[in-house]
Protein backbone atom coordinates (compact mmCIF):
# COMPACT_ATOMS: atom_id res chain seq x y z
CA MET A 1 21.76 -18.38 3.51
CA ASN A 2 25.04 -17.06 1.86
CA THR A 3 25.59 -14.83 -0.98
CA HIS A 4 25.57 -17.54 -3.40
CA GLN A 5 22.57 -19.18 -2.35
CA GLU A 6 21.03 -15.99 -2.23
CA ASN A 7 21.55 -15.05 -5.77
CA VAL A 8 20.24 -17.83 -6.77
CA LYS A 9 17.09 -17.10 -5.00
CA ARG A 10 16.41 -14.36 -6.68
CA SER A 11 17.60 -15.60 -10.25
CA VAL A 12 14.58 -18.45 -9.46
CA VAL A 13 12.12 -15.97 -8.62
CA LEU A 14 13.32 -13.54 -12.24
CA LEU A 15 12.83 -17.05 -14.13
CA LEU A 16 9.57 -17.35 -12.71
CA SER A 17 8.31 -13.88 -13.14
CA PHE A 18 9.44 -13.58 -16.49
CA VAL A 19 7.78 -16.92 -17.10
CA ASP A 20 4.23 -15.42 -15.69
CA LEU A 21 4.84 -12.77 -18.19
CA ILE A 22 5.87 -14.02 -20.91
CA ILE A 23 2.26 -16.67 -20.49
CA LEU A 24 0.07 -13.49 -19.84
CA SER A 25 1.48 -11.73 -23.16
CA ALA A 26 1.62 -14.77 -24.90
CA ILE A 27 -2.47 -15.13 -24.36
CA TYR A 28 -2.32 -11.40 -25.29
CA ALA A 29 -1.19 -11.81 -28.88
CA GLY A 30 -3.78 -14.82 -29.41
CA PHE A 31 -6.32 -12.54 -29.37
CA TRP A 32 -4.28 -9.48 -30.52
CA PHE A 33 -3.69 -11.72 -33.95
CA ALA A 34 -7.46 -13.86 -33.83
CA GLU A 35 -9.55 -11.02 -32.67
CA PHE A 36 -8.40 -7.16 -31.89
CA TYR A 37 -6.30 -6.64 -35.02
CA PRO A 38 -9.05 -7.67 -37.36
CA THR A 39 -11.56 -5.61 -35.69
CA LEU A 40 -9.00 -2.56 -36.06
CA ARG A 41 -8.90 -2.85 -39.55
CA MET A 42 -12.41 -1.93 -39.70
CA ARG A 43 -12.90 1.29 -39.64
CA ARG A 44 -16.71 2.79 -38.76
CA MET A 45 -16.88 6.11 -40.64
CA SER A 46 -20.69 8.43 -40.48
CA VAL A 47 -21.15 10.49 -43.76
CA ASN A 48 -24.54 12.23 -43.36
CA GLY A 49 -26.22 10.16 -40.74
CA VAL A 50 -25.34 6.98 -43.02
CA ILE A 51 -22.60 4.96 -40.71
CA TYR A 52 -20.38 2.18 -42.79
CA PHE A 53 -17.55 0.39 -42.72
CA THR A 54 -14.10 0.92 -44.26
CA GLU A 55 -10.29 -0.61 -43.84
CA GLY A 56 -8.94 1.21 -41.10
CA LEU A 57 -5.63 0.17 -39.83
CA LYS A 58 -2.65 -1.81 -40.85
CA PHE A 59 -0.04 -3.16 -39.13
CA TYR A 60 3.07 -4.36 -40.43
CA LEU A 61 5.94 -7.01 -38.44
CA ARG A 62 7.32 -3.44 -36.25
CA GLY A 63 3.78 -2.35 -35.70
CA HIS A 64 2.66 -5.65 -34.71
CA LEU A 65 5.69 -6.06 -31.90
CA LEU A 66 5.21 -2.48 -30.89
CA ILE A 67 1.99 -3.40 -29.70
CA LEU A 68 2.97 -6.62 -27.88
CA LEU A 69 5.71 -4.53 -26.17
CA ILE A 70 3.86 -2.25 -25.08
CA TYR A 71 1.29 -4.59 -23.56
CA PHE A 72 4.27 -6.38 -21.77
CA ALA A 73 5.67 -3.21 -20.49
CA LEU A 74 2.56 -2.32 -18.99
CA LEU A 75 2.03 -5.58 -17.23
CA TRP A 76 5.68 -5.48 -15.91
CA PHE A 77 5.06 -2.09 -14.62
CA PHE A 78 1.45 -2.71 -12.97
CA LEU A 79 2.56 -6.43 -11.64
CA GLY A 80 5.54 -4.97 -10.46
CA THR A 81 3.50 -1.99 -8.30
CA TYR A 82 0.72 -4.40 -6.74
CA GLY A 83 3.24 -6.76 -5.95
CA GLY A 84 2.28 -9.44 -8.70
CA LEU A 85 5.72 -10.73 -8.74
CA ARG A 86 7.13 -11.02 -5.17
CA ILE A 87 7.29 -14.68 -5.67
CA GLY A 88 7.40 -15.78 -1.71
CA TYR A 89 7.22 -12.33 -0.28
CA LEU A 90 3.63 -12.84 -0.77
CA LYS A 91 1.18 -15.15 0.34
CA ALA A 92 -0.11 -17.07 -3.01
CA PRO A 93 -3.55 -15.71 -1.97
CA ASP A 94 -1.90 -11.95 -1.73
CA LEU A 95 0.32 -12.47 -5.19
CA PHE A 96 -2.99 -13.55 -7.01
CA PHE A 97 -4.87 -11.08 -5.56
CA SER A 98 -2.36 -8.64 -6.68
CA GLN A 99 -2.45 -10.16 -10.17
CA ILE A 100 -5.82 -10.24 -10.86
CA PHE A 101 -5.77 -5.79 -10.05
CA ALA A 102 -2.60 -5.75 -12.16
CA ILE A 103 -3.93 -7.91 -14.70
CA THR A 104 -7.59 -6.08 -14.92
CA ILE A 105 -6.45 -2.57 -15.36
CA VAL A 106 -3.93 -3.48 -18.12
CA ASN A 107 -6.67 -4.96 -20.17
CA VAL A 108 -8.73 -1.70 -19.09
CA LEU A 109 -6.59 0.35 -20.36
CA THR A 110 -5.94 -1.91 -23.03
CA TYR A 111 -9.06 -1.88 -24.16
CA LEU A 112 -9.45 2.18 -23.66
CA TYR A 113 -6.87 2.52 -26.28
CA SER A 114 -7.58 -0.17 -28.68
CA SER A 115 -11.11 2.04 -28.99
CA LEU A 116 -8.65 5.36 -29.31
CA MET A 117 -7.41 3.38 -32.65
CA ARG A 118 -10.54 2.02 -33.82
CA ASN A 119 -12.58 5.73 -33.59
CA TRP A 120 -15.32 3.40 -31.88
CA ILE A 121 -15.71 0.89 -29.36
CA MET A 122 -14.01 -2.02 -29.65
CA PRO A 123 -16.63 -4.82 -28.83
CA GLY A 124 -15.98 -6.17 -24.88
CA TRP A 125 -16.56 -10.10 -25.15
CA PRO A 126 -13.14 -11.26 -26.34
CA TYR A 127 -11.23 -8.55 -23.89
CA LEU A 128 -13.64 -10.43 -20.75
CA PHE A 129 -12.94 -13.69 -22.27
CA MET A 130 -8.78 -13.35 -22.75
CA THR A 131 -8.75 -11.64 -19.21
CA ILE A 132 -10.58 -14.82 -17.84
CA LEU A 133 -8.29 -16.78 -19.42
CA GLN A 134 -5.63 -15.31 -18.15
CA LEU A 135 -6.69 -15.00 -14.64
CA SER A 136 -6.81 -18.86 -15.25
CA ALA A 137 -3.46 -19.21 -16.09
CA THR A 138 -1.90 -17.18 -13.46
CA LEU A 139 -4.03 -19.17 -10.77
CA LEU A 140 -2.08 -22.42 -11.82
CA TRP A 141 0.85 -20.04 -11.62
CA THR A 142 0.73 -19.04 -8.65
CA LEU A 143 -0.07 -21.78 -7.23
CA LEU A 144 2.87 -23.46 -8.95
CA ALA A 145 5.25 -20.65 -8.06
CA SER A 146 4.13 -20.91 -4.21
CA ALA A 147 4.98 -24.32 -4.08
CA VAL A 148 8.56 -24.08 -6.26
CA TYR A 149 9.35 -21.31 -3.55
CA ARG A 150 8.50 -23.46 -0.31
CA ARG A 151 10.55 -26.68 -1.95
CA ALA A 152 13.38 -24.83 -2.74
CA PHE A 153 13.88 -22.17 -0.18
CA PRO A 154 12.20 -23.26 3.32
CA PRO A 155 11.47 -21.05 5.79
CA ARG A 156 14.56 -19.01 7.64
CA ARG A 157 15.37 -20.21 11.19
CA LEU A 158 15.57 -17.30 13.06
CA LEU A 159 17.78 -16.45 16.64
CA LEU A 160 14.97 -13.12 17.87
CA VAL A 161 16.93 -11.18 20.41
CA HIS A 162 14.57 -8.42 22.80
CA GLY A 163 14.61 -6.12 25.40
CA VAL A 164 12.47 -6.37 28.62
CA HIS A 165 9.22 -5.94 26.74
CA SER A 166 6.95 -8.32 25.35
CA VAL A 167 7.64 -10.23 21.94
CA GLU A 168 4.01 -11.18 22.16
CA GLU A 169 3.84 -8.92 19.18
CA ILE A 170 6.77 -9.50 17.07
CA ARG A 171 6.02 -13.44 17.63
CA ARG A 172 2.42 -13.37 16.13
CA LYS A 173 3.59 -11.52 13.58
CA PHE A 174 6.15 -13.99 12.46
CA LEU A 175 3.71 -16.54 13.07
CA SER A 176 1.66 -15.15 10.55
CA ARG A 177 4.25 -15.86 7.94
CA ARG A 178 5.27 -19.35 8.80
CA ASP A 179 6.16 -20.19 4.68
CA LYS A 180 9.08 -17.40 5.10
CA TYR A 181 10.08 -17.86 8.64
CA THR A 182 10.37 -19.88 12.29
CA ILE A 183 11.08 -18.86 15.40
CA ALA A 184 13.25 -20.97 16.77
CA ARG A 185 14.78 -19.27 19.90
CA LEU A 186 14.63 -16.19 22.36
CA VAL A 187 16.99 -14.38 23.74
CA ASP A 188 16.95 -12.27 26.28
CA ILE A 189 19.95 -8.67 25.07
CA SER A 190 20.39 -8.86 29.17
CA LEU A 191 22.61 -11.75 28.88
CA GLY A 192 24.93 -9.45 27.23
CA VAL A 193 26.13 -9.27 23.77
CA PRO A 194 28.92 -11.66 23.73
CA ALA A 195 26.35 -14.13 24.93
CA VAL A 196 24.07 -13.69 21.60
CA GLU A 197 26.72 -13.96 19.29
CA ARG A 198 27.98 -17.48 20.98
CA LEU A 199 24.35 -18.69 20.67
CA TYR A 200 24.45 -17.69 17.29
CA GLU A 201 27.56 -19.31 16.08
CA GLU A 202 26.39 -22.27 17.85
CA GLY A 203 23.10 -23.14 16.72
CA SER A 204 22.23 -23.11 13.02
CA TYR A 205 20.29 -20.05 12.21
CA ASP A 206 20.27 -18.05 8.76
CA ALA A 207 19.28 -14.43 10.60
CA ILE A 208 18.74 -12.49 13.25
CA VAL A 209 16.11 -10.19 14.49
CA ILE A 210 16.75 -7.84 17.11
CA TRP A 211 13.83 -6.21 19.18
CA ASP A 212 13.56 -3.86 20.97
CA VAL A 213 16.79 -3.40 22.50
CA PRO A 214 18.42 -0.51 23.71
CA THR A 215 20.73 1.47 21.08
CA THR A 216 24.39 0.69 22.49
CA GLN A 217 23.76 -3.00 22.12
CA ARG A 218 21.63 -2.96 19.17
CA ASN A 219 24.44 -1.26 17.39
CA GLU A 220 27.33 -4.00 19.23
CA LEU A 221 24.62 -6.55 17.38
CA LEU A 222 24.58 -4.71 13.83
CA LYS A 223 28.49 -4.34 13.47
CA TYR A 224 29.02 -8.36 14.43
CA CYS A 225 26.40 -9.24 11.79
CA TYR A 226 27.55 -6.67 9.05
CA GLY A 227 30.67 -8.36 9.98
CA LYS A 228 29.45 -12.34 9.50
CA ASN A 229 27.46 -11.51 6.84
CA ILE A 230 24.73 -12.23 9.07
CA ARG A 231 21.13 -11.25 7.86
CA ILE A 232 19.23 -8.72 9.87
CA TYR A 233 15.46 -7.84 10.93
CA THR A 234 15.06 -5.01 13.45
CA SER A 235 12.07 -2.45 13.57
CA PRO A 236 13.29 0.88 13.33
CA LYS A 237 12.91 3.44 16.24
CA ILE A 238 11.77 7.17 15.17
CA SER A 239 14.78 8.40 15.11
CA ASP A 240 16.40 5.83 12.49
CA VAL A 241 13.40 6.61 10.09
CA LEU A 242 14.25 10.27 10.52
CA ILE A 243 18.23 9.70 9.44
CA LYS A 244 16.79 7.32 6.48
CA GLY A 245 14.85 10.07 4.75
CA SER A 246 17.94 12.84 5.16
CA GLU A 247 20.98 13.73 2.53
CA GLN A 248 24.20 12.66 2.56
CA LEU A 249 26.62 16.09 2.34
CA HIS A 250 30.21 15.85 0.81
CA LEU A 251 31.27 19.22 2.11
CA PHE A 252 34.44 18.05 3.39
CA ASP A 253 35.84 14.47 3.89
CA THR A 254 33.50 13.34 6.77
CA PRO A 255 30.22 12.22 5.91
CA ILE A 256 27.85 14.61 6.81
CA PHE A 257 23.74 14.07 6.95
CA LEU A 258 21.37 16.80 7.01
CA ILE A 259 17.63 16.02 8.33
CA ARG A 260 15.87 19.38 6.90
CA GLU A 261 13.12 20.94 8.90
CA GLN A 262 11.02 20.88 6.01
CA SER A 263 11.33 18.00 3.96
CA ILE A 264 9.16 18.88 1.16
CA ARG A 265 10.34 21.25 -1.25
CA ALA A 266 8.54 24.18 -2.34
CA GLU A 267 7.99 23.47 -5.89
CA GLN A 268 7.09 20.09 -4.85
CA LEU A 269 4.49 21.53 -2.55
CA ALA A 270 3.37 23.74 -5.11
CA MET A 271 3.47 20.24 -7.81
CA LYS A 272 1.63 18.35 -5.20
CA ARG A 273 -1.25 21.27 -4.67
CA LEU A 274 -2.05 22.04 -8.39
CA SER A 275 -2.27 17.73 -9.18
CA ASP A 276 -4.45 17.80 -6.43
CA ILE A 277 -6.92 20.50 -7.73
CA LEU A 278 -6.98 18.88 -10.67
CA LEU A 279 -7.79 15.03 -9.84
CA ALA A 280 -10.29 16.58 -6.97
CA LEU A 281 -12.06 18.36 -10.19
CA VAL A 282 -12.52 15.25 -12.12
CA LEU A 283 -13.44 12.57 -9.58
CA ILE A 284 -15.88 15.11 -8.27
CA VAL A 285 -17.25 14.97 -11.54
CA VAL A 286 -17.10 10.87 -12.25
CA THR A 287 -17.92 10.24 -8.72
CA SER A 288 -21.23 12.47 -8.75
CA PRO A 289 -23.78 9.82 -9.25
CA ILE A 290 -22.23 7.57 -6.61
CA MET A 291 -22.48 10.29 -4.28
CA LEU A 292 -25.81 10.86 -5.37
CA VAL A 293 -27.23 7.72 -4.64
CA THR A 294 -25.13 7.21 -1.55
CA ALA A 295 -26.58 10.34 -0.27
CA LEU A 296 -29.96 8.82 -0.69
CA LEU A 297 -29.46 6.03 0.88
CA VAL A 298 -27.90 7.55 4.14
CA HIS A 299 -30.85 9.64 4.75
CA PHE A 300 -33.72 6.83 4.03
CA THR A 301 -32.03 4.47 6.46
CA ASP A 302 -32.17 6.61 9.49
CA GLY A 303 -33.93 9.78 7.96
CA GLY A 304 -30.68 11.32 9.36
CA PRO A 305 -28.41 14.10 7.96
CA VAL A 306 -26.73 12.65 4.64
CA LEU A 307 -22.93 14.03 5.77
CA TYR A 308 -21.06 14.06 9.02
CA ARG A 309 -18.98 16.68 9.75
CA GLN A 310 -16.09 16.13 12.46
CA VAL A 311 -13.74 18.48 13.75
CA ARG A 312 -9.55 17.03 12.58
CA CYS A 313 -6.22 17.92 12.42
CA THR A 314 -3.91 19.27 9.26
CA GLN A 315 -0.48 20.59 9.04
CA GLY A 316 0.97 23.05 11.92
CA MET A 317 -2.33 20.74 13.93
CA ARG A 318 -4.82 23.86 11.96
CA ARG A 319 -7.70 22.38 12.16
CA PHE A 320 -10.98 22.20 9.78
CA GLN A 321 -13.91 19.95 9.67
CA ILE A 322 -13.45 16.70 6.97
CA LEU A 323 -16.77 15.74 5.45
CA LYS A 324 -18.11 12.14 5.28
CA PHE A 325 -20.99 10.58 4.36
CA ARG A 326 -21.98 9.33 7.76
CA SER A 327 -21.93 5.42 8.38
CA MET A 328 -23.08 5.27 12.27
CA ARG A 329 -26.22 5.85 13.65
CA ILE A 330 -27.33 9.50 14.69
CA ASP A 331 -26.58 8.80 18.44
CA ALA A 332 -23.34 7.22 18.07
CA GLU A 333 -21.45 9.65 20.28
CA LYS A 334 -24.12 10.28 22.14
CA ASP A 335 -21.69 11.04 25.92
CA GLY A 336 -19.55 13.25 23.75
CA VAL A 337 -16.66 11.05 24.10
CA ALA A 338 -14.24 10.26 21.15
CA ARG A 339 -14.08 6.75 20.04
CA LEU A 340 -12.23 4.71 16.93
CA ALA A 341 -14.75 2.17 15.58
CA THR A 342 -13.63 -0.49 16.72
CA ARG A 343 -14.35 -4.39 15.03
CA HIS A 344 -18.28 -5.36 14.86
CA ASP A 345 -19.02 -1.49 15.96
CA ASP A 346 -22.94 -1.75 16.81
CA ARG A 347 -22.85 2.22 15.96
CA ILE A 348 -22.50 1.24 12.73
CA THR A 349 -25.24 0.95 10.26
CA PRO A 350 -25.89 -2.19 7.35
CA VAL A 351 -25.61 1.24 4.88
CA GLY A 352 -22.64 2.75 6.76
CA ARG A 353 -21.01 -1.13 7.01
CA PHE A 354 -21.18 -1.17 3.35
CA ILE A 355 -19.50 2.82 2.04
CA ARG A 356 -16.94 2.18 5.13
CA SER A 357 -16.08 -1.15 3.34
CA VAL A 358 -15.46 0.34 0.18
CA ARG A 359 -14.84 3.62 1.05
CA ILE A 360 -17.27 5.49 -0.44
CA ASP A 361 -17.98 7.25 2.64
CA GLU A 362 -14.89 8.92 2.07
CA LEU A 363 -15.98 10.87 -1.33
CA PRO A 364 -16.97 13.77 -0.04
CA GLN A 365 -13.07 14.63 1.77
CA LEU A 366 -12.56 15.68 -2.69
CA PHE A 367 -14.06 19.22 -1.21
CA ASN A 368 -11.85 19.38 1.59
CA ILE A 369 -9.26 19.04 -0.85
CA LEU A 370 -10.29 21.65 -2.65
CA LYS A 371 -10.70 23.40 -0.04
CA GLY A 372 -6.87 22.97 0.22
CA GLU A 373 -7.49 21.81 4.02
CA MET A 374 -6.45 18.09 2.84
CA SER A 375 -4.32 16.87 0.33
CA PHE A 376 -5.24 13.12 -1.81
CA ILE A 377 -1.80 11.73 0.12
CA GLY A 378 -0.17 12.40 3.49
CA PRO A 379 -0.50 11.32 7.07
CA ARG A 380 -4.38 10.78 7.85
CA PRO A 381 -5.66 13.34 10.34
CA GLU A 382 -6.61 12.74 13.63
CA ARG A 383 -9.05 14.08 16.39
CA PRO A 384 -8.06 16.79 18.26
CA GLU A 385 -8.72 14.53 21.79
CA ILE A 386 -6.76 11.44 20.07
CA ILE A 387 -4.22 13.75 19.38
CA GLU A 388 -4.28 15.13 22.93
CA GLU A 389 -4.44 11.83 24.35
CA TYR A 390 -1.58 10.51 21.98
CA LEU A 391 0.59 12.61 22.85
CA LYS A 392 0.66 12.01 26.86
CA THR A 393 2.89 8.82 26.00
CA MET A 394 4.24 9.93 22.17
CA PRO A 395 5.01 13.45 21.84
CA GLU A 396 6.67 12.50 18.89
CA PHE A 397 3.09 11.77 17.45
CA ILE A 398 2.79 15.53 16.46
CA PHE A 399 5.57 15.22 13.90
CA ARG A 400 2.76 13.72 11.73
CA THR A 401 1.20 17.60 11.29
CA HIS A 402 4.33 18.27 9.98
CA VAL A 403 2.55 18.12 6.28
CA LYS A 404 -0.70 18.84 5.25
CA ALA A 405 -3.18 16.22 6.22
CA GLY A 406 -4.16 13.54 3.40
CA LEU A 407 -7.02 10.69 2.35
CA ALA A 408 -5.09 8.35 1.77
CA GLY A 409 -1.19 7.65 2.88
CA TYR A 410 1.66 5.13 3.73
CA ALA A 411 0.22 4.67 6.43
CA GLN A 412 -2.49 3.18 4.81
CA VAL A 413 -0.99 1.39 2.14
CA TYR A 414 1.29 -0.40 3.92
CA GLY A 415 -0.55 -0.56 7.13
CA LYS A 416 -3.90 -1.55 8.39
CA TYR A 417 -7.22 0.26 10.10
CA ASN A 418 -5.34 -1.30 13.35
CA THR A 419 -2.14 -0.92 12.95
CA THR A 420 -0.77 0.44 16.17
CA PRO A 421 -0.43 4.12 16.67
CA TYR A 422 3.50 4.13 17.60
CA ASP A 423 3.72 1.95 13.63
CA LYS A 424 1.13 4.52 11.85
CA LEU A 425 3.52 7.42 12.95
CA LYS A 426 6.60 5.36 11.87
CA LEU A 427 5.20 4.83 8.06
CA ASP A 428 3.49 8.48 7.90
CA LEU A 429 7.41 9.59 8.96
CA THR A 430 8.80 7.43 6.82
CA TYR A 431 6.75 9.64 3.76
CA ILE A 432 7.41 12.46 5.10
CA GLU A 433 10.73 12.26 4.62
CA ASN A 434 11.45 10.51 1.27
CA TYR A 435 8.90 12.48 -0.53
CA SER A 436 8.77 12.79 -4.22
CA ILE A 437 6.31 13.09 -6.85
CA TRP A 438 6.81 9.62 -7.88
CA LEU A 439 6.00 8.52 -4.28
CA ASP A 440 2.84 10.21 -4.25
CA LEU A 441 1.66 8.40 -7.63
CA LYS A 442 2.84 5.49 -6.69
CA LEU A 443 0.73 5.37 -3.49
CA MET A 444 -2.15 7.11 -5.49
CA LEU A 445 -1.90 3.90 -7.78
CA LEU A 446 -1.68 1.11 -4.79
CA THR A 447 -4.60 2.55 -2.75
CA LEU A 448 -7.24 1.53 -5.47
CA LYS A 449 -5.95 -1.65 -4.54
CA ILE A 450 -6.31 -1.14 -0.92
CA LEU A 451 -9.94 -0.22 -1.33
CA PHE A 452 -10.49 -4.26 -2.06
CA THR A 453 -8.97 -5.83 0.88
CA PRO A 454 -10.95 -5.80 3.53
CA ASP A 455 -8.55 -6.12 6.14
CA ALA A 456 -7.76 -2.69 5.92
CA THR A 457 -10.85 -1.42 6.74
CA GLU A 458 -11.07 -3.45 10.20
CA GLY A 459 -11.46 -1.67 13.30
CA VAL A 460 -9.61 -1.22 16.32
CA GLU A 461 -10.51 -4.16 18.78
CA GLN A 462 -11.72 -2.99 22.55
CA GLY A 463 -8.94 -1.37 24.83
CA GLN A 464 -6.78 -1.65 22.17
CA ILE A 465 -6.14 2.50 22.14
CA THR A 466 -4.77 2.86 25.66
CA ALA A 467 -2.71 -0.13 26.02
CA GLU A 468 -0.89 0.58 22.47
CA VAL A 469 -0.26 4.05 23.51
CA LYS A 470 0.80 3.00 27.01
CA ASP A 471 3.40 0.68 25.35
CA ALA A 472 4.50 3.17 22.72
CA GLU A 473 6.75 5.45 24.97
CA LYS A 474 8.48 2.26 26.34
CA LYS A 475 9.01 1.28 22.34
CA GLY A 476 10.27 4.75 21.43
């Protein structure tokens, strides 16, 4: 795909996204003038215990435009954050789910600030009906936009260049996105870079995938592709992730990249800790009824303890006891062997399966955060035994402990429960090396969506851990 075609593609996606925003905003505008604004005109008053209504807010043209602009901006922000406008990048079901989540959040926020303007709660039925109407409209838009995208932009034909190790994993990943990619041919890098270049020029490919190729040959291919304006897909190595998060210095006329020994600065750490304390206190109060009900359910399931304490490692390999609501049988690890939960694990109780699926079992970790043992965002804390197992073949795994462990993290948002340890490490390092307060906020917002994504809670397959840890050293 040349530059002109790529620009056309971007223009089509932007146009389709703008149409979606206009449709959703137009529906809100209709309800604003027909339902919400007339309700705001009536202000609730209480004098000596007697409740009556008087004339409330009155908007002129610019006031109405401001309200509609605020709604449009909120839609744009949350749809952009949750991927609701990523036509073609996300599958149609994922795109629609992102739309549902973003629209619901925006409408809840709108309901809350409208109630504040009225000085009394707004009627809920108009907002519910509006949301249903918007979701119906966005379902049709999603189907239409996805169909237009597929017809206008067929899957890219890829030439996959690989090394000596198995390519089944990456083939399986690309096969899961047949709507975007087609692996047209596999070629072993042992044939040499000139042979790969010749094969690309002789075939009608749209891009090259460089997978598990030695660094020297990979660099040759990268320069060739860049020089020929060829699209490249490649999986980064640990060193690539570290360099990507580096700071470019201009001390003299040679580019210098600075990779800091501590990526997060002192002022950022202070701000992060302050936000952790404040947010933990608020959430403990808000979720206390949920925690109370969960504690009763867990206890009456089998009469066992409510909380499950387990030794985990945080920053600098410091050990602490993580708190969780118990989701497994009391004798789940009676042999003393540390094991991650597997798919369809029979050790998980019925109540435990539910609280794990909606992450309620993690709520007691708010107290770990309050104590300073964890943060809201950071690499998930692992058990010492599992870390030792990983370190035998993947020494770089220790890099995750450069920062405090987190309740949620980059790997949880962009990976799955059963993502390989090596890939989780690269995701966590991406967070560590590119840290910012905004990134923390973005990950917090995205974590809300992950709570409702079933495949993010899947267990690993039996035997997956050992096989993937052994393979990680080869890939590194």
